[in-house]
Amino acid sequence: SHGWNNDWSGATSLYRRFVDEFLTVRKEYWPEPD
C-alpha cells in the first residue's frame, strides 16, 4: 500500500522499484527457498 501524493504512475513506480530491489536481494541470499 502506497502513501500520500501518489498518482497511478507514482504508485506503480514505487511498487516496481521495491519489487525489483526485493527480487535482487532474494536472488543473492535466498535463491533456493527452503
PDB file of all heavy atoms in Angstrom:
ATOM      1  N   SER A   1       0.842  -1.190   0.000  1.00  0.00           N
ATOM      2  CA  SER A   1       0.000   0.000   0.000  1.00  0.00           C
ATOM      3  C   SER A   1       0.881   1.246   0.000  1.00  0.00           C
ATOM      4  O   SER A   1       1.723   1.422   0.885  1.00  0.00           O
ATOM      5  CB  SER A   1      -0.919   0.006   1.227  1.00  0.00           C
ATOM      6  OG  SER A   1      -1.747   1.152   1.206  1.00  0.00           O
ATOM      7  N   HIS A   2       0.674   2.103  -0.996  1.00  0.00           N
ATOM      8  CA  HIS A   2       1.479   3.313  -1.145  1.00  0.00           C
ATOM      9  C   HIS A   2       0.971   4.419  -0.220  1.00  0.00           C
ATOM     10  O   HIS A   2      -0.097   4.321   0.396  1.00  0.00           O
ATOM     11  CB  HIS A   2       1.434   3.796  -2.602  1.00  0.00           C
ATOM     12  CG  HIS A   2       0.069   4.219  -3.063  1.00  0.00           C
ATOM     13  ND1 HIS A   2      -0.472   5.457  -2.799  1.00  0.00           N
ATOM     14  CD2 HIS A   2      -0.886   3.555  -3.782  1.00  0.00           C
ATOM     15  CE1 HIS A   2      -1.678   5.549  -3.327  1.00  0.00           C
ATOM     16  NE2 HIS A   2      -1.960   4.404  -3.931  1.00  0.00           N
ATOM     17  N   GLY A   3       1.728   5.504  -0.145  1.00  0.00           N
ATOM     18  CA  GLY A   3       1.390   6.612   0.737  1.00  0.00           C
ATOM     19  C   GLY A   3       0.722   7.768   0.025  1.00  0.00           C
ATOM     20  O   GLY A   3       0.193   7.636  -1.087  1.00  0.00           O
ATOM     21  N   TRP A   4       0.773   8.929   0.666  1.00  0.00           N
ATOM     22  CA  TRP A   4       0.096  10.123   0.184  1.00  0.00           C
ATOM     23  C   TRP A   4       0.807  10.687  -1.041  1.00  0.00           C
ATOM     24  O   TRP A   4       2.011  10.514  -1.246  1.00  0.00           O
ATOM     25  CB  TRP A   4       0.104  11.155   1.308  1.00  0.00           C
ATOM     26  CG  TRP A   4      -0.722  12.374   1.055  1.00  0.00           C
ATOM     27  CD1 TRP A   4      -1.771  12.511   0.194  1.00  0.00           C
ATOM     28  CD2 TRP A   4      -0.555  13.647   1.682  1.00  0.00           C
ATOM     29  NE1 TRP A   4      -2.282  13.790   0.257  1.00  0.00           N
ATOM     30  CE2 TRP A   4      -1.553  14.509   1.167  1.00  0.00           C
ATOM     31  CE3 TRP A   4       0.335  14.146   2.636  1.00  0.00           C
ATOM     32  CZ2 TRP A   4      -1.677  15.842   1.562  1.00  0.00           C
ATOM     33  CZ3 TRP A   4       0.207  15.460   3.035  1.00  0.00           C
ATOM     34  CH2 TRP A   4      -0.798  16.294   2.498  1.00  0.00           C
ATOM     35  N   ASN A   5       0.035  11.411  -1.863  1.00  0.00           N
ATOM     36  CA  ASN A   5       0.566  12.126  -3.030  1.00  0.00           C
ATOM     37  C   ASN A   5       1.155  11.209  -4.095  1.00  0.00           C
ATOM     38  O   ASN A   5       2.183  11.518  -4.697  1.00  0.00           O
ATOM     39  CB  ASN A   5       1.619  13.164  -2.613  1.00  0.00           C
ATOM     40  CG  ASN A   5       0.990  14.452  -2.135  1.00  0.00           C
ATOM     41  OD1 ASN A   5      -0.196  14.684  -2.342  1.00  0.00           O
ATOM     42  ND2 ASN A   5       1.777  15.283  -1.484  1.00  0.00           N
ATOM     43  N   ASN A   6       0.508  10.087  -4.320  1.00  0.00           N
ATOM     44  CA  ASN A   6       0.909   9.188  -5.405  1.00  0.00           C
ATOM     45  C   ASN A   6      -0.234   9.042  -6.396  1.00  0.00           C
ATOM     46  O   ASN A   6      -1.338   8.617  -6.018  1.00  0.00           O
ATOM     47  CB  ASN A   6       1.280   7.802  -4.868  1.00  0.00           C
ATOM     48  CG  ASN A   6       2.672   7.747  -4.293  1.00  0.00           C
ATOM     49  OD1 ASN A   6       3.647   7.526  -5.010  1.00  0.00           O
ATOM     50  ND2 ASN A   6       2.774   7.960  -2.988  1.00  0.00           N
ATOM     51  N   ASP A   7       0.020   9.393  -7.659  1.00  0.00           N
ATOM     52  CA  ASP A   7      -0.958   9.072  -8.692  1.00  0.00           C
ATOM     53  C   ASP A   7      -0.671   7.648  -9.170  1.00  0.00           C
ATOM     54  O   ASP A   7       0.172   6.941  -8.613  1.00  0.00           O
ATOM     55  CB  ASP A   7      -0.896  10.089  -9.836  1.00  0.00           C
ATOM     56  CG  ASP A   7       0.478  10.173 -10.482  1.00  0.00           C
ATOM     57  OD1 ASP A   7       1.351   9.306 -10.204  1.00  0.00           O
ATOM     58  OD2 ASP A   7       0.701  11.105 -11.278  1.00  0.00           O
ATOM     59  N   TRP A   8      -1.395   7.219 -10.217  1.00  0.00           N
ATOM     60  CA  TRP A   8      -1.234   5.834 -10.690  1.00  0.00           C
ATOM     61  C   TRP A   8       0.211   5.560 -11.091  1.00  0.00           C
ATOM     62  O   TRP A   8       0.800   4.540 -10.715  1.00  0.00           O
ATOM     63  CB  TRP A   8      -2.175   5.586 -11.865  1.00  0.00           C
ATOM     64  CG  TRP A   8      -2.124   4.193 -12.414  1.00  0.00           C
ATOM     65  CD1 TRP A   8      -1.309   3.713 -13.381  1.00  0.00           C
ATOM     66  CD2 TRP A   8      -2.923   3.078 -11.986  1.00  0.00           C
ATOM     67  NE1 TRP A   8      -1.552   2.383 -13.612  1.00  0.00           N
ATOM     68  CE2 TRP A   8      -2.533   1.961 -12.764  1.00  0.00           C
ATOM     69  CE3 TRP A   8      -3.934   2.924 -11.042  1.00  0.00           C
ATOM     70  CZ2 TRP A   8      -3.129   0.715 -12.613  1.00  0.00           C
ATOM     71  CZ3 TRP A   8      -4.516   1.669 -10.893  1.00  0.00           C
ATOM     72  CH2 TRP A   8      -4.114   0.587 -11.667  1.00  0.00           C
ATOM     73  N   SER A   9       0.806   6.479 -11.817  1.00  0.00           N
ATOM     74  CA  SER A   9       2.185   6.292 -12.259  1.00  0.00           C
ATOM     75  C   SER A   9       3.138   6.241 -11.079  1.00  0.00           C
ATOM     76  O   SER A   9       4.044   5.411 -11.025  1.00  0.00           O
ATOM     77  CB  SER A   9       2.578   7.440 -13.209  1.00  0.00           C
ATOM     78  OG  SER A   9       3.932   7.348 -13.575  1.00  0.00           O
ATOM     79  N   GLY A  10       2.935   7.140 -10.107  1.00  0.00           N
ATOM     80  CA  GLY A  10       3.819   7.165  -8.946  1.00  0.00           C
ATOM     81  C   GLY A  10       3.707   5.911  -8.109  1.00  0.00           C
ATOM     82  O   GLY A  10       4.710   5.381  -7.624  1.00  0.00           O
ATOM     83  N   ALA A  11       2.480   5.421  -7.929  1.00  0.00           N
ATOM     84  CA  ALA A  11       2.273   4.225  -7.122  1.00  0.00           C
ATOM     85  C   ALA A  11       2.887   2.999  -7.793  1.00  0.00           C
ATOM     86  O   ALA A  11       3.587   2.205  -7.156  1.00  0.00           O
ATOM     87  CB  ALA A  11       0.781   4.001  -6.879  1.00  0.00           C
ATOM     88  N   THR A  12       2.621   2.829  -9.090  1.00  0.00           N
ATOM     89  CA  THR A  12       3.171   1.666  -9.782  1.00  0.00           C
ATOM     90  C   THR A  12       4.691   1.735  -9.846  1.00  0.00           C
ATOM     91  O   THR A  12       5.373   0.705  -9.755  1.00  0.00           O
ATOM     92  CB  THR A  12       2.594   1.549 -11.196  1.00  0.00           C
ATOM     93  OG1 THR A  12       2.811   2.769 -11.914  1.00  0.00           O
ATOM     94  CG2 THR A  12       1.104   1.265 -11.138  1.00  0.00           C
ATOM     95  N   SER A  13       5.230   2.940  -9.966  1.00  0.00           N
ATOM     96  CA  SER A  13       6.685   3.095  -9.979  1.00  0.00           C
ATOM     97  C   SER A  13       7.285   2.707  -8.629  1.00  0.00           C
ATOM     98  O   SER A  13       8.331   2.048  -8.564  1.00  0.00           O
ATOM     99  CB  SER A  13       7.045   4.541 -10.327  1.00  0.00           C
ATOM    100  OG  SER A  13       8.450   4.735 -10.275  1.00  0.00           O
ATOM    101  N   LEU A  14       6.629   3.120  -7.545  1.00  0.00           N
ATOM    102  CA  LEU A  14       7.101   2.749  -6.214  1.00  0.00           C
ATOM    103  C   LEU A  14       7.107   1.242  -6.048  1.00  0.00           C
ATOM    104  O   LEU A  14       8.088   0.645  -5.574  1.00  0.00           O
ATOM    105  CB  LEU A  14       6.200   3.390  -5.152  1.00  0.00           C
ATOM    106  CG  LEU A  14       6.449   2.948  -3.710  1.00  0.00           C
ATOM    107  CD1 LEU A  14       7.804   3.435  -3.217  1.00  0.00           C
ATOM    108  CD2 LEU A  14       5.334   3.443  -2.787  1.00  0.00           C
ATOM    109  N   TYR A  15       6.014   0.592  -6.445  1.00  0.00           N
ATOM    110  CA  TYR A  15       5.947  -0.869  -6.329  1.00  0.00           C
ATOM    111  C   TYR A  15       7.012  -1.528  -7.207  1.00  0.00           C
ATOM    112  O   TYR A  15       7.656  -2.508  -6.802  1.00  0.00           O
ATOM    113  CB  TYR A  15       4.551  -1.367  -6.732  1.00  0.00           C
ATOM    114  CG  TYR A  15       3.438  -0.884  -5.833  1.00  0.00           C
ATOM    115  CD1 TYR A  15       2.152  -0.719  -6.330  1.00  0.00           C
ATOM    116  CD2 TYR A  15       3.665  -0.593  -4.487  1.00  0.00           C
ATOM    117  CE1 TYR A  15       1.117  -0.286  -5.512  1.00  0.00           C
ATOM    118  CE2 TYR A  15       2.644  -0.162  -3.670  1.00  0.00           C
ATOM    119  CZ  TYR A  15       1.364  -0.001  -4.190  1.00  0.00           C
ATOM    120  OH  TYR A  15       0.338   0.426  -3.385  1.00  0.00           O
ATOM    121  N   ARG A  16       7.195  -1.002  -8.410  1.00  0.00           N
ATOM    122  CA  ARG A  16       8.181  -1.569  -9.327  1.00  0.00           C
ATOM    123  C   ARG A  16       9.587  -1.528  -8.717  1.00  0.00           C
ATOM    124  O   ARG A  16      10.325  -2.523  -8.744  1.00  0.00           O
ATOM    125  CB  ARG A  16       8.156  -0.810 -10.652  1.00  0.00           C
ATOM    126  CG  ARG A  16       9.123  -1.362 -11.711  1.00  0.00           C
ATOM    127  CD  ARG A  16       9.170  -0.439 -12.918  1.00  0.00           C
ATOM    128  NE  ARG A  16       7.864  -0.323 -13.543  1.00  0.00           N
ATOM    129  CZ  ARG A  16       7.444  -1.096 -14.539  1.00  0.00           C
ATOM    130  NH1 ARG A  16       8.228  -2.032 -15.026  1.00  0.00           N
ATOM    131  NH2 ARG A  16       6.248  -0.923 -15.065  1.00  0.00           N
ATOM    132  N   ARG A  17       9.946  -0.374  -8.161  1.00  0.00           N
ATOM    133  CA  ARG A  17      11.292  -0.230  -7.584  1.00  0.00           C
ATOM    134  C   ARG A  17      11.480  -1.145  -6.386  1.00  0.00           C
ATOM    135  O   ARG A  17      12.526  -1.780  -6.236  1.00  0.00           O
ATOM    136  CB  ARG A  17      11.543   1.232  -7.173  1.00  0.00           C
ATOM    137  CG  ARG A  17      11.584   2.214  -8.338  1.00  0.00           C
ATOM    138  CD  ARG A  17      12.153   3.557  -7.905  1.00  0.00           C
ATOM    139  NE  ARG A  17      11.504   4.116  -6.736  1.00  0.00           N
ATOM    140  CZ  ARG A  17      10.418   4.881  -6.771  1.00  0.00           C
ATOM    141  NH1 ARG A  17       9.832   5.149  -7.942  1.00  0.00           N
ATOM    142  NH2 ARG A  17       9.913   5.382  -5.661  1.00  0.00           N
ATOM    143  N   PHE A  18      10.462  -1.213  -5.538  1.00  0.00           N
ATOM    144  CA  PHE A  18      10.601  -2.038  -4.342  1.00  0.00           C
ATOM    145  C   PHE A  18      10.686  -3.519  -4.702  1.00  0.00           C
ATOM    146  O   PHE A  18      11.530  -4.252  -4.164  1.00  0.00           O
ATOM    147  CB  PHE A  18       9.432  -1.800  -3.383  1.00  0.00           C
ATOM    148  CG  PHE A  18       9.622  -2.483  -2.049  1.00  0.00           C
ATOM    149  CD1 PHE A  18      10.309  -1.850  -1.028  1.00  0.00           C
ATOM    150  CD2 PHE A  18       9.148  -3.767  -1.835  1.00  0.00           C
ATOM    151  CE1 PHE A  18      10.509  -2.476   0.193  1.00  0.00           C
ATOM    152  CE2 PHE A  18       9.342  -4.413  -0.620  1.00  0.00           C
ATOM    153  CZ  PHE A  18      10.024  -3.763   0.403  1.00  0.00           C
ATOM    154  N   VAL A  19       9.827  -3.965  -5.600  1.00  0.00           N
ATOM    155  CA  VAL A  19       9.851  -5.372  -6.013  1.00  0.00           C
ATOM    156  C   VAL A  19      11.176  -5.705  -6.672  1.00  0.00           C
ATOM    157  O   VAL A  19      11.761  -6.780  -6.444  1.00  0.00           O
ATOM    158  CB  VAL A  19       8.667  -5.678  -6.947  1.00  0.00           C
ATOM    159  CG1 VAL A  19       8.827  -7.036  -7.609  1.00  0.00           C
ATOM    160  CG2 VAL A  19       7.355  -5.611  -6.174  1.00  0.00           C
ATOM    161  N   ASP A  20      11.689  -4.804  -7.493  1.00  0.00           N
ATOM    162  CA  ASP A  20      12.977  -5.023  -8.146  1.00  0.00           C
ATOM    163  C   ASP A  20      14.077  -5.212  -7.110  1.00  0.00           C
ATOM    164  O   ASP A  20      14.913  -6.128  -7.215  1.00  0.00           O
ATOM    165  CB  ASP A  20      13.304  -3.836  -9.056  1.00  0.00           C
ATOM    166  CG  ASP A  20      14.479  -4.127  -9.965  1.00  0.00           C
ATOM    167  OD1 ASP A  20      14.306  -4.861 -10.952  1.00  0.00           O
ATOM    168  OD2 ASP A  20      15.581  -3.619  -9.667  1.00  0.00           O
ATOM    169  N   GLU A  21      14.087  -4.357  -6.088  1.00  0.00           N
ATOM    170  CA  GLU A  21      15.087  -4.480  -5.019  1.00  0.00           C
ATOM    171  C   GLU A  21      14.916  -5.798  -4.265  1.00  0.00           C
ATOM    172  O   GLU A  21      15.898  -6.482  -3.946  1.00  0.00           O
ATOM    173  CB  GLU A  21      14.974  -3.307  -4.045  1.00  0.00           C
ATOM    174  CG  GLU A  21      15.311  -1.944  -4.630  1.00  0.00           C
ATOM    175  CD  GLU A  21      16.803  -1.746  -4.849  1.00  0.00           C
ATOM    176  OE1 GLU A  21      17.594  -2.672  -4.578  1.00  0.00           O
ATOM    177  OE2 GLU A  21      17.183  -0.647  -5.305  1.00  0.00           O
ATOM    178  N   PHE A  22      13.660  -6.169  -4.008  1.00  0.00           N
ATOM    179  CA  PHE A  22      13.408  -7.391  -3.249  1.00  0.00           C
ATOM    180  C   PHE A  22      13.876  -8.633  -4.012  1.00  0.00           C
ATOM    181  O   PHE A  22      14.518  -9.531  -3.451  1.00  0.00           O
ATOM    182  CB  PHE A  22      11.918  -7.509  -2.921  1.00  0.00           C
ATOM    183  CG  PHE A  22      11.562  -8.775  -2.202  1.00  0.00           C
ATOM    184  CD1 PHE A  22      11.900  -8.951  -0.867  1.00  0.00           C
ATOM    185  CD2 PHE A  22      10.895  -9.805  -2.848  1.00  0.00           C
ATOM    186  CE1 PHE A  22      11.583 -10.122  -0.194  1.00  0.00           C
ATOM    187  CE2 PHE A  22      10.568 -10.974  -2.190  1.00  0.00           C
ATOM    188  CZ  PHE A  22      10.917 -11.134  -0.852  1.00  0.00           C
ATOM    189  N   LEU A  23      13.563  -8.691  -5.307  1.00  0.00           N
ATOM    190  CA  LEU A  23      13.966  -9.862  -6.085  1.00  0.00           C
ATOM    191  C   LEU A  23      15.477  -9.940  -6.243  1.00  0.00           C
ATOM    192  O   LEU A  23      16.041 -11.037  -6.293  1.00  0.00           O
ATOM    193  CB  LEU A  23      13.286  -9.829  -7.450  1.00  0.00           C
ATOM    194  CG  LEU A  23      11.761  -9.991  -7.428  1.00  0.00           C
ATOM    195  CD1 LEU A  23      11.201  -9.961  -8.838  1.00  0.00           C
ATOM    196  CD2 LEU A  23      11.342 -11.270  -6.719  1.00  0.00           C
ATOM    197  N   THR A  24      16.124  -8.796  -6.300  1.00  0.00           N
ATOM    198  CA  THR A  24      17.586  -8.798  -6.373  1.00  0.00           C
ATOM    199  C   THR A  24      18.189  -9.353  -5.090  1.00  0.00           C
ATOM    200  O   THR A  24      19.120 -10.176  -5.118  1.00  0.00           O
ATOM    201  CB  THR A  24      18.111  -7.370  -6.626  1.00  0.00           C
ATOM    202  OG1 THR A  24      17.599  -6.898  -7.876  1.00  0.00           O
ATOM    203  CG2 THR A  24      19.626  -7.346  -6.657  1.00  0.00           C
ATOM    204  N   VAL A  25      17.675  -8.930  -3.961  1.00  0.00           N
ATOM    205  CA  VAL A  25      18.165  -9.423  -2.670  1.00  0.00           C
ATOM    206  C   VAL A  25      17.829 -10.900  -2.500  1.00  0.00           C
ATOM    207  O   VAL A  25      18.644 -11.695  -2.021  1.00  0.00           O
ATOM    208  CB  VAL A  25      17.554  -8.582  -1.516  1.00  0.00           C
ATOM    209  CG1 VAL A  25      17.830  -9.230  -0.167  1.00  0.00           C
ATOM    210  CG2 VAL A  25      18.094  -7.166  -1.540  1.00  0.00           C
ATOM    211  N   ARG A  26      16.623 -11.283  -2.919  1.00  0.00           N
ATOM    212  CA  ARG A  26      16.234 -12.692  -2.804  1.00  0.00           C
ATOM    213  C   ARG A  26      17.131 -13.586  -3.648  1.00  0.00           C
ATOM    214  O   ARG A  26      17.530 -14.679  -3.232  1.00  0.00           O
ATOM    215  CB  ARG A  26      14.771 -12.861  -3.248  1.00  0.00           C
ATOM    216  CG  ARG A  26      14.080 -14.032  -2.569  1.00  0.00           C
ATOM    217  CD  ARG A  26      13.049 -14.671  -3.462  1.00  0.00           C
ATOM    218  NE  ARG A  26      13.650 -15.774  -4.213  1.00  0.00           N
ATOM    219  CZ  ARG A  26      13.004 -16.484  -5.130  1.00  0.00           C
ATOM    220  NH1 ARG A  26      11.763 -16.186  -5.446  1.00  0.00           N
ATOM    221  NH2 ARG A  26      13.597 -17.467  -5.769  1.00  0.00           N
ATOM    222  N   LYS A  27      17.480 -13.130  -4.842  1.00  0.00           N
ATOM    223  CA  LYS A  27      18.348 -13.912  -5.728  1.00  0.00           C
ATOM    224  C   LYS A  27      19.690 -14.186  -5.072  1.00  0.00           C
ATOM    225  O   LYS A  27      20.252 -15.292  -5.188  1.00  0.00           O
ATOM    226  CB  LYS A  27      18.558 -13.175  -7.041  1.00  0.00           C
ATOM    227  CG  LYS A  27      19.522 -13.871  -7.996  1.00  0.00           C
ATOM    228  CD  LYS A  27      19.806 -13.014  -9.223  1.00  0.00           C
ATOM    229  CE  LYS A  27      20.846 -13.666 -10.121  1.00  0.00           C
ATOM    230  NZ  LYS A  27      21.165 -12.811 -11.294  1.00  0.00           N
ATOM    231  N   GLU A  28      20.211 -13.198  -4.348  1.00  0.00           N
ATOM    232  CA  GLU A  28      21.539 -13.357  -3.753  1.00  0.00           C
ATOM    233  C   GLU A  28      21.517 -14.146  -2.455  1.00  0.00           C
ATOM    234  O   GLU A  28      22.426 -14.939  -2.190  1.00  0.00           O
ATOM    235  CB  GLU A  28      22.151 -11.981  -3.502  1.00  0.00           C
ATOM    236  CG  GLU A  28      23.580 -12.050  -2.957  1.00  0.00           C
ATOM    237  CD  GLU A  28      24.272 -10.711  -2.951  1.00  0.00           C
ATOM    238  OE1 GLU A  28      23.661  -9.717  -3.407  1.00  0.00           O
ATOM    239  OE2 GLU A  28      25.440 -10.646  -2.500  1.00  0.00           O
ATOM    240  N   TYR A  29      20.471 -13.946  -1.628  1.00  0.00           N
ATOM    241  CA  TYR A  29      20.506 -14.517  -0.281  1.00  0.00           C
ATOM    242  C   TYR A  29      19.480 -15.620  -0.026  1.00  0.00           C
ATOM    243  O   TYR A  29      19.542 -16.282   1.014  1.00  0.00           O
ATOM    244  CB  TYR A  29      20.301 -13.395   0.754  1.00  0.00           C
ATOM    245  CG  TYR A  29      21.405 -12.374   0.703  1.00  0.00           C
ATOM    246  CD1 TYR A  29      21.188 -11.115   0.132  1.00  0.00           C
ATOM    247  CD2 TYR A  29      22.672 -12.658   1.197  1.00  0.00           C
ATOM    248  CE1 TYR A  29      22.206 -10.178   0.076  1.00  0.00           C
ATOM    249  CE2 TYR A  29      23.696 -11.733   1.145  1.00  0.00           C
ATOM    250  CZ  TYR A  29      23.453 -10.487   0.578  1.00  0.00           C
ATOM    251  OH  TYR A  29      24.462  -9.552   0.516  1.00  0.00           O
ATOM    252  N   TRP A  30      18.555 -15.832  -0.949  1.00  0.00           N
ATOM    253  CA  TRP A  30      17.565 -16.911  -0.788  1.00  0.00           C
ATOM    254  C   TRP A  30      17.205 -17.450  -2.162  1.00  0.00           C
ATOM    255  O   TRP A  30      16.039 -17.499  -2.547  1.00  0.00           O
ATOM    256  CB  TRP A  30      16.328 -16.366  -0.073  1.00  0.00           C
ATOM    257  CG  TRP A  30      15.509 -17.384   0.665  1.00  0.00           C
ATOM    258  CD1 TRP A  30      15.932 -18.400   1.460  1.00  0.00           C
ATOM    259  CD2 TRP A  30      14.062 -17.436   0.680  1.00  0.00           C
ATOM    260  NE1 TRP A  30      14.865 -19.096   1.982  1.00  0.00           N
ATOM    261  CE2 TRP A  30      13.706 -18.522   1.526  1.00  0.00           C
ATOM    262  CE3 TRP A  30      13.054 -16.682   0.086  1.00  0.00           C
ATOM    263  CZ2 TRP A  30      12.373 -18.867   1.782  1.00  0.00           C
ATOM    264  CZ3 TRP A  30      11.721 -17.026   0.339  1.00  0.00           C
ATOM    265  CH2 TRP A  30      11.391 -18.099   1.166  1.00  0.00           C
ATOM    266  N   PRO A  31      18.218 -17.845  -2.950  1.00  0.00           N
ATOM    267  CA  PRO A  31      17.957 -18.249  -4.336  1.00  0.00           C
ATOM    268  C   PRO A  31      17.148 -19.534  -4.436  1.00  0.00           C
ATOM    269  O   PRO A  31      16.391 -19.719  -5.391  1.00  0.00           O
ATOM    270  CB  PRO A  31      19.361 -18.426  -4.918  1.00  0.00           C
ATOM    271  CG  PRO A  31      20.226 -18.725  -3.733  1.00  0.00           C
ATOM    272  CD  PRO A  31      19.645 -17.927  -2.608  1.00  0.00           C
ATOM    273  N   GLU A  32      17.317 -20.411  -3.476  1.00  0.00           N
ATOM    274  CA  GLU A  32      16.573 -21.667  -3.459  1.00  0.00           C
ATOM    275  C   GLU A  32      15.849 -21.752  -2.121  1.00  0.00           C
ATOM    276  O   GLU A  32      16.423 -22.210  -1.130  1.00  0.00           O
ATOM    277  CB  GLU A  32      17.506 -22.860  -3.657  1.00  0.00           C
ATOM    278  CG  GLU A  32      18.205 -22.861  -5.010  1.00  0.00           C
ATOM    279  CD  GLU A  32      19.090 -24.073  -5.203  1.00  0.00           C
ATOM    280  OE1 GLU A  32      19.075 -24.960  -4.315  1.00  0.00           O
ATOM    281  OE2 GLU A  32      19.769 -24.142  -6.237  1.00  0.00           O
ATOM    282  N   PRO A  33      14.611 -21.292  -2.061  1.00  0.00           N
ATOM    283  CA  PRO A  33      13.867 -21.305  -0.799  1.00  0.00           C
ATOM    284  C   PRO A  33      13.860 -22.665  -0.140  1.00  0.00           C
ATOM    285  O   PRO A  33      13.777 -23.703  -0.809  1.00  0.00           O
ATOM    286  CB  PRO A  33      12.458 -20.871  -1.219  1.00  0.00           C
ATOM    287  CG  PRO A  33      12.687 -20.047  -2.453  1.00  0.00           C
ATOM    288  CD  PRO A  33      13.828 -20.719  -3.166  1.00  0.00           C
ATOM    289  N   ASP A  34      13.941 -22.653   1.180  1.00  0.00           N
ATOM    290  CA  ASP A  34      13.984 -23.903   1.936  1.00  0.00           C
ATOM    291  C   ASP A  34      12.584 -24.363   2.359  1.00  0.00           C
ATOM    292  O   ASP A  34      12.443 -25.195   3.260  1.00  0.00           O
ATOM    293  CB  ASP A  34      14.880 -23.744   3.168  1.00  0.00           C
ATOM    294  CG  ASP A  34      14.502 -22.543   4.015  1.00  0.00           C
ATOM    295  OD1 ASP A  34      13.492 -21.882   3.693  1.00  0.00           O
ATOM    296  OD2 ASP A  34      15.224 -22.250   4.994  1.00  0.00           O
TER     297      ASP A  34
END
